[in-house]
Amino acid sequence: MLKILLSRVIKNNYSRKKGKSEEVEGLLKICNKAIKSNPHNPDGYFKRGNLKFELGSYQDAIKDYNMAIRLNPEYLQAYHGRAIAKDKSSYYNGAIADYNLILKKDPSDLLAHKNKDIIQQKFAE
């Protein structure tokens, strides 16, 4: 059931489109059901975090990314999501720390290198 619910989130891909807050709210309900039915699956928290991020609820997104990471410490996408949410929340040191964790696990992650450099440039200005 979790796969079916989460595939609806992926298939619709409303989390990537602006101006779809009603659809995003509906997809949040689907994610909540998926998490309730399988609270040990990090994907549900990650996807719900992405939806909350799209709504601009960065702190709530960070909480979901934290849970996804707690359930799977190797979930690099969750670290990326959390780092971006921290950056949007002006918590730059936390974002850099997340990028450092990603790069420790995968030194060839170009997105982590790029985003970390962008944040560090903010400090240099």
C-alpha atoms as a PDB file:
ATOM      1  CA  MET A   1       0.000   0.000   0.000  1.00  0.00           C
ATOM      2  CA  LEU A   2       2.840   2.385   0.824  1.00  0.00           C
ATOM      3  CA  LYS A   3       4.318   1.932  -2.649  1.00  0.00           C
ATOM      4  CA  ILE A   4       0.973   2.713  -4.255  1.00  0.00           C
ATOM      5  CA  LEU A   5       0.454   5.848  -2.192  1.00  0.00           C
ATOM      6  CA  LEU A   6       3.990   7.100  -2.699  1.00  0.00           C
ATOM      7  CA  SER A   7       3.876   6.326  -6.412  1.00  0.00           C
ATOM      8  CA  ARG A   8       0.878   8.667  -6.655  1.00  0.00           C
ATOM      9  CA  VAL A   9       3.045  11.399  -5.183  1.00  0.00           C
ATOM     10  CA  ILE A  10       5.823  10.670  -7.664  1.00  0.00           C
ATOM     11  CA  LYS A  11       3.519  10.163 -10.652  1.00  0.00           C
ATOM     12  CA  ASN A  12       1.628  13.390 -10.118  1.00  0.00           C
ATOM     13  CA  ASN A  13       4.851  15.233  -9.290  1.00  0.00           C
ATOM     14  CA  TYR A  14       2.890  18.162  -7.918  1.00  0.00           C
ATOM     15  CA  SER A  15       5.649  18.747  -5.385  1.00  0.00           C
ATOM     16  CA  ARG A  16       7.742  20.294  -8.162  1.00  0.00           C
ATOM     17  CA  LYS A  17       5.101  22.675  -9.503  1.00  0.00           C
ATOM     18  CA  LYS A  18       4.382  26.088  -8.060  1.00  0.00           C
ATOM     19  CA  GLY A  19       0.833  27.276  -7.509  1.00  0.00           C
ATOM     20  CA  LYS A  20      -0.516  23.842  -6.715  1.00  0.00           C
ATOM     21  CA  SER A  21      -1.009  24.239  -2.978  1.00  0.00           C
ATOM     22  CA  GLU A  22      -4.341  22.407  -2.975  1.00  0.00           C
ATOM     23  CA  GLU A  23      -2.823  19.420  -4.745  1.00  0.00           C
ATOM     24  CA  VAL A  24       0.190  19.540  -2.454  1.00  0.00           C
ATOM     25  CA  GLU A  25      -2.111  19.535   0.568  1.00  0.00           C
ATOM     26  CA  GLY A  26      -3.878  16.494  -0.877  1.00  0.00           C
ATOM     27  CA  LEU A  27      -0.564  14.763  -1.458  1.00  0.00           C
ATOM     28  CA  LEU A  28       0.440  15.573   2.116  1.00  0.00           C
ATOM     29  CA  LYS A  29      -2.612  13.643   3.284  1.00  0.00           C
ATOM     30  CA  ILE A  30      -1.518  10.699   1.158  1.00  0.00           C
ATOM     31  CA  CYS A  31       1.980  10.853   2.651  1.00  0.00           C
ATOM     32  CA  ASN A  32       0.532  11.046   6.159  1.00  0.00           C
ATOM     33  CA  LYS A  33      -1.483   7.870   5.486  1.00  0.00           C
ATOM     34  CA  ALA A  34       1.578   6.153   4.048  1.00  0.00           C
ATOM     35  CA  ILE A  35       3.660   7.098   7.090  1.00  0.00           C
ATOM     36  CA  LYS A  36       0.927   5.957   9.449  1.00  0.00           C
ATOM     37  CA  SER A  37       0.734   2.576   7.704  1.00  0.00           C
ATOM     38  CA  ASN A  38       4.535   2.145   7.647  1.00  0.00           C
ATOM     39  CA  PRO A  39       6.294   4.527  10.047  1.00  0.00           C
ATOM     40  CA  HIS A  40       9.667   2.803   9.557  1.00  0.00           C
ATOM     41  CA  ASN A  41       9.956   3.622   5.848  1.00  0.00           C
ATOM     42  CA  PRO A  42      12.157   6.695   5.328  1.00  0.00           C
ATOM     43  CA  ASP A  43      10.723   7.372   1.858  1.00  0.00           C
ATOM     44  CA  GLY A  44       7.417   8.580   3.269  1.00  0.00           C
ATOM     45  CA  TYR A  45       9.138  11.138   5.471  1.00  0.00           C
ATOM     46  CA  PHE A  46      11.424  12.228   2.645  1.00  0.00           C
ATOM     47  CA  LYS A  47       8.553  12.763   0.230  1.00  0.00           C
ATOM     48  CA  ARG A  48       6.472  14.552   2.864  1.00  0.00           C
ATOM     49  CA  GLY A  49       9.489  16.744   3.592  1.00  0.00           C
ATOM     50  CA  ASN A  50       9.668  17.647  -0.101  1.00  0.00           C
ATOM     51  CA  LEU A  51       5.999  18.607  -0.087  1.00  0.00           C
ATOM     52  CA  LYS A  52       6.388  20.727   3.041  1.00  0.00           C
ATOM     53  CA  PHE A  53       9.408  22.373   1.449  1.00  0.00           C
ATOM     54  CA  GLU A  54       7.290  23.284  -1.581  1.00  0.00           C
ATOM     55  CA  LEU A  55       4.780  24.925   0.753  1.00  0.00           C
ATOM     56  CA  GLY A  56       7.583  26.974   2.314  1.00  0.00           C
ATOM     57  CA  SER A  57       7.378  25.129   5.642  1.00  0.00           C
ATOM     58  CA  TYR A  58      11.132  24.685   5.858  1.00  0.00           C
ATOM     59  CA  GLN A  59      11.296  23.819   9.559  1.00  0.00           C
ATOM     60  CA  ASP A  60       8.649  21.127   9.136  1.00  0.00           C
ATOM     61  CA  ALA A  61      10.498  19.827   6.090  1.00  0.00           C
ATOM     62  CA  ILE A  62      13.702  19.644   8.136  1.00  0.00           C
ATOM     63  CA  LYS A  63      11.879  17.562  10.776  1.00  0.00           C
ATOM     64  CA  ASP A  64      10.772  15.074   8.124  1.00  0.00           C
ATOM     65  CA  TYR A  65      14.231  14.916   6.572  1.00  0.00           C
ATOM     66  CA  ASN A  66      15.636  14.328  10.069  1.00  0.00           C
ATOM     67  CA  MET A  67      13.297  11.378  10.522  1.00  0.00           C
ATOM     68  CA  ALA A  68      14.206   9.940   7.116  1.00  0.00           C
ATOM     69  CA  ILE A  69      17.897  10.216   8.042  1.00  0.00           C
ATOM     70  CA  ARG A  70      17.277   8.705  11.474  1.00  0.00           C
ATOM     71  CA  LEU A  71      15.638   5.707   9.791  1.00  0.00           C
ATOM     72  CA  ASN A  72      18.330   5.459   7.104  1.00  0.00           C
ATOM     73  CA  PRO A  73      21.589   7.280   7.856  1.00  0.00           C
ATOM     74  CA  GLU A  74      22.778   6.572   4.294  1.00  0.00           C
ATOM     75  CA  TYR A  75      19.830   8.429   2.686  1.00  0.00           C
ATOM     76  CA  LEU A  76      21.846  11.086   0.860  1.00  0.00           C
ATOM     77  CA  GLN A  77      18.786  12.616  -0.821  1.00  0.00           C
ATOM     78  CA  ALA A  78      17.393  13.385   2.624  1.00  0.00           C
ATOM     79  CA  TYR A  79      20.658  15.112   3.570  1.00  0.00           C
ATOM     80  CA  HIS A  80      20.392  17.165   0.368  1.00  0.00           C
ATOM     81  CA  GLY A  81      16.799  18.117   1.115  1.00  0.00           C
ATOM     82  CA  ARG A  82      17.656  19.064   4.668  1.00  0.00           C
ATOM     83  CA  ALA A  83      20.661  21.120   3.561  1.00  0.00           C
ATOM     84  CA  ILE A  84      18.570  23.066   1.066  1.00  0.00           C
ATOM     85  CA  ALA A  85      15.848  23.656   3.662  1.00  0.00           C
ATOM     86  CA  LYS A  86      18.477  24.867   6.138  1.00  0.00           C
ATOM     87  CA  ASP A  87      19.880  27.195   3.490  1.00  0.00           C
ATOM     88  CA  LYS A  88      16.379  28.598   2.833  1.00  0.00           C
ATOM     89  CA  SER A  89      16.022  29.086   6.605  1.00  0.00           C
ATOM     90  CA  SER A  90      19.317  31.054   6.678  1.00  0.00           C
ATOM     91  CA  TYR A  91      20.899  28.304   8.779  1.00  0.00           C
ATOM     92  CA  TYR A  92      23.996  28.285   6.614  1.00  0.00           C
ATOM     93  CA  ASN A  93      26.330  26.517   9.038  1.00  0.00           C
ATOM     94  CA  GLY A  94      23.864  23.656   9.316  1.00  0.00           C
ATOM     95  CA  ALA A  95      23.550  23.433   5.533  1.00  0.00           C
ATOM     96  CA  ILE A  96      27.338  23.347   5.148  1.00  0.00           C
ATOM     97  CA  ALA A  97      27.524  20.637   7.831  1.00  0.00           C
ATOM     98  CA  ASP A  98      25.024  18.552   5.859  1.00  0.00           C
ATOM     99  CA  TYR A  99      26.982  19.013   2.653  1.00  0.00           C
ATOM    100  CA  ASN A 100      30.146  17.968   4.497  1.00  0.00           C
ATOM    101  CA  LEU A 101      28.344  14.790   5.647  1.00  0.00           C
ATOM    102  CA  ILE A 102      27.257  14.075   2.086  1.00  0.00           C
ATOM    103  CA  LEU A 103      30.772  14.624   0.771  1.00  0.00           C
ATOM    104  CA  LYS A 104      32.230  12.388   3.466  1.00  0.00           C
ATOM    105  CA  LYS A 105      29.946   9.584   2.274  1.00  0.00           C
ATOM    106  CA  ASP A 106      30.261  10.431  -1.442  1.00  0.00           C
ATOM    107  CA  PRO A 107      33.207  12.705  -2.312  1.00  0.00           C
ATOM    108  CA  SER A 108      32.162  12.766  -5.975  1.00  0.00           C
ATOM    109  CA  ASP A 109      28.729  14.336  -5.316  1.00  0.00           C
ATOM    110  CA  LEU A 110      28.859  17.348  -7.626  1.00  0.00           C
ATOM    111  CA  LEU A 111      25.612  18.880  -6.377  1.00  0.00           C
ATOM    112  CA  ALA A 112      26.883  18.890  -2.800  1.00  0.00           C
ATOM    113  CA  HIS A 113      30.145  20.536  -3.914  1.00  0.00           C
ATOM    114  CA  LYS A 114      28.269  23.156  -5.934  1.00  0.00           C
ATOM    115  CA  ASN A 115      25.714  24.024  -3.254  1.00  0.00           C
ATOM    116  CA  LYS A 116      28.343  24.133  -0.519  1.00  0.00           C
ATOM    117  CA  ASP A 117      30.422  26.525  -2.647  1.00  0.00           C
ATOM    118  CA  ILE A 118      27.393  28.764  -3.234  1.00  0.00           C
ATOM    119  CA  ILE A 119      26.729  29.020   0.502  1.00  0.00           C
ATOM    120  CA  GLN A 120      30.386  29.686   1.277  1.00  0.00           C
ATOM    121  CA  GLN A 121      30.355  32.502  -1.293  1.00  0.00           C
ATOM    122  CA  LYS A 122      27.499  34.104   0.644  1.00  0.00           C
ATOM    123  CA  PHE A 123      29.829  34.326   3.634  1.00  0.00           C
ATOM    124  CA  ALA A 124      32.628  35.780   1.513  1.00  0.00           C
ATOM    125  CA  GLU A 125      30.522  38.667   0.236  1.00  0.00           C
END
